[in-house]
Amino acid sequence: MKNWQEHITTDSEILLGKPIIKGTRISIEFILERLATGWSVEQLLENYPRLTLDDLMAVYAYAYDCMKDGLLLMKSKSA
């Protein structure tokens, strides 16, 4: 699995400290939102040339680690 720490960082001076791809102002949230709305990996790489396939693989590894460690929790629906 990709070592996401090599590609993802936070900086309180950039995007209020949201996780971003190193060397960019592209947030992990932004990438995941694009993918969730139907963008392909190819579209992301074409539209954001500073992104690499390794960066995107790091995003997946980061999301997995967050879920695995319980940092992402589903909100339960109230009946």
C-alpha atoms as a PDB file:
ATOM      1  CA  MET A   1       0.000   0.000   0.000  1.00  0.00           C
ATOM      2  CA  LYS A   2       1.159   3.511  -0.823  1.00  0.00           C
ATOM      3  CA  ASN A   3       2.827   5.456   2.003  1.00  0.00           C
ATOM      4  CA  TRP A   4       0.492   8.441   1.897  1.00  0.00           C
ATOM      5  CA  GLN A   5       2.703  10.529   4.214  1.00  0.00           C
ATOM      6  CA  GLU A   6       5.113  10.980   1.313  1.00  0.00           C
ATOM      7  CA  HIS A   7       2.406  12.796  -0.671  1.00  0.00           C
ATOM      8  CA  ILE A   8      -0.018  14.354   1.814  1.00  0.00           C
ATOM      9  CA  THR A   9       0.602  17.038   4.401  1.00  0.00           C
ATOM     10  CA  THR A  10      -1.147  19.715   6.430  1.00  0.00           C
ATOM     11  CA  ASP A  11      -0.147  23.320   6.978  1.00  0.00           C
ATOM     12  CA  SER A  12      -2.215  25.684   9.098  1.00  0.00           C
ATOM     13  CA  GLU A  13      -1.328  28.455   6.614  1.00  0.00           C
ATOM     14  CA  ILE A  14      -2.817  26.579   3.642  1.00  0.00           C
ATOM     15  CA  LEU A  15      -6.568  25.896   3.344  1.00  0.00           C
ATOM     16  CA  LEU A  16      -7.016  26.216   7.115  1.00  0.00           C
ATOM     17  CA  GLY A  17      -4.877  23.147   7.728  1.00  0.00           C
ATOM     18  CA  LYS A  18      -6.872  20.725   5.582  1.00  0.00           C
ATOM     19  CA  PRO A  19      -4.846  17.780   4.268  1.00  0.00           C
ATOM     20  CA  ILE A  20      -3.386  18.651   0.861  1.00  0.00           C
ATOM     21  CA  ILE A  21      -1.123  17.128  -1.759  1.00  0.00           C
ATOM     22  CA  LYS A  22       2.415  18.270  -0.956  1.00  0.00           C
ATOM     23  CA  GLY A  23       3.578  21.186  -3.066  1.00  0.00           C
ATOM     24  CA  THR A  24       0.036  22.151  -4.064  1.00  0.00           C
ATOM     25  CA  ARG A  25      -3.067  23.791  -2.672  1.00  0.00           C
ATOM     26  CA  ILE A  26      -5.174  20.829  -3.775  1.00  0.00           C
ATOM     27  CA  SER A  27      -7.014  19.357  -0.802  1.00  0.00           C
ATOM     28  CA  ILE A  28      -7.791  15.705  -0.286  1.00  0.00           C
ATOM     29  CA  GLU A  29     -11.399  16.744   0.258  1.00  0.00           C
ATOM     30  CA  PHE A  30     -11.447  18.384  -3.201  1.00  0.00           C
ATOM     31  CA  ILE A  31     -10.030  15.286  -4.896  1.00  0.00           C
ATOM     32  CA  LEU A  32     -12.490  12.960  -3.161  1.00  0.00           C
ATOM     33  CA  GLU A  33     -15.375  15.288  -4.042  1.00  0.00           C
ATOM     34  CA  ARG A  34     -14.380  15.221  -7.710  1.00  0.00           C
ATOM     35  CA  LEU A  35     -14.159  11.430  -7.701  1.00  0.00           C
ATOM     36  CA  ALA A  36     -17.505  11.148  -5.860  1.00  0.00           C
ATOM     37  CA  THR A  37     -19.191  13.294  -8.510  1.00  0.00           C
ATOM     38  CA  GLY A  38     -17.999  11.107 -11.362  1.00  0.00           C
ATOM     39  CA  TRP A  39     -14.645  12.498 -12.408  1.00  0.00           C
ATOM     40  CA  SER A  40     -12.232   9.875 -13.629  1.00  0.00           C
ATOM     41  CA  VAL A  41      -8.606   9.604 -12.588  1.00  0.00           C
ATOM     42  CA  GLU A  42      -7.702  10.647 -16.127  1.00  0.00           C
ATOM     43  CA  GLN A  43      -9.831  13.808 -15.848  1.00  0.00           C
ATOM     44  CA  LEU A  44      -8.173  14.744 -12.568  1.00  0.00           C
ATOM     45  CA  LEU A  45      -4.682  14.233 -13.972  1.00  0.00           C
ATOM     46  CA  GLU A  46      -5.525  16.156 -17.142  1.00  0.00           C
ATOM     47  CA  ASN A  47      -7.139  19.101 -15.353  1.00  0.00           C
ATOM     48  CA  TYR A  48      -4.601  19.286 -12.520  1.00  0.00           C
ATOM     49  CA  PRO A  49      -1.212  18.553 -14.113  1.00  0.00           C
ATOM     50  CA  ARG A  50       0.651  18.886 -10.795  1.00  0.00           C
ATOM     51  CA  LEU A  51      -1.164  15.767  -9.570  1.00  0.00           C
ATOM     52  CA  THR A  52       0.381  12.386 -10.242  1.00  0.00           C
ATOM     53  CA  LEU A  53      -1.036   8.893 -10.186  1.00  0.00           C
ATOM     54  CA  ASP A  54       1.065   8.291  -7.053  1.00  0.00           C
ATOM     55  CA  ASP A  55      -0.637  11.303  -5.417  1.00  0.00           C
ATOM     56  CA  LEU A  56      -4.043   9.811  -6.146  1.00  0.00           C
ATOM     57  CA  MET A  57      -2.998   6.418  -4.832  1.00  0.00           C
ATOM     58  CA  ALA A  58      -1.873   8.206  -1.657  1.00  0.00           C
ATOM     59  CA  VAL A  59      -5.346   9.772  -1.378  1.00  0.00           C
ATOM     60  CA  TYR A  60      -6.904   6.304  -1.430  1.00  0.00           C
ATOM     61  CA  ALA A  61      -4.425   5.043   1.176  1.00  0.00           C
ATOM     62  CA  TYR A  62      -5.116   8.088   3.357  1.00  0.00           C
ATOM     63  CA  ALA A  63      -8.884   7.546   3.155  1.00  0.00           C
ATOM     64  CA  TYR A  64      -8.406   3.872   4.006  1.00  0.00           C
ATOM     65  CA  ASP A  65      -6.253   4.706   7.026  1.00  0.00           C
ATOM     66  CA  CYS A  66      -8.819   7.232   8.243  1.00  0.00           C
ATOM     67  CA  MET A  67     -11.618   4.693   7.987  1.00  0.00           C
ATOM     68  CA  LYS A  68      -9.538   1.891   9.481  1.00  0.00           C
ATOM     69  CA  ASP A  69      -8.642   4.001  12.497  1.00  0.00           C
ATOM     70  CA  GLY A  70     -12.226   5.148  13.009  1.00  0.00           C
ATOM     71  CA  LEU A  71     -11.581   8.768  12.093  1.00  0.00           C
ATOM     72  CA  LEU A  72     -14.397   8.717   9.556  1.00  0.00           C
ATOM     73  CA  LEU A  73     -17.694   7.780  11.066  1.00  0.00           C
ATOM     74  CA  MET A  74     -21.101   7.559   9.480  1.00  0.00           C
ATOM     75  CA  LYS A  75     -23.835   9.641  10.990  1.00  0.00           C
ATOM     76  CA  SER A  76     -26.724   7.426  11.935  1.00  0.00           C
ATOM     77  CA  LYS A  77     -30.145   8.384  10.653  1.00  0.00           C
ATOM     78  CA  SER A  78     -32.704   9.033  13.321  1.00  0.00           C
ATOM     79  CA  ALA A  79     -35.956   7.216  12.861  1.00  0.00           C
END
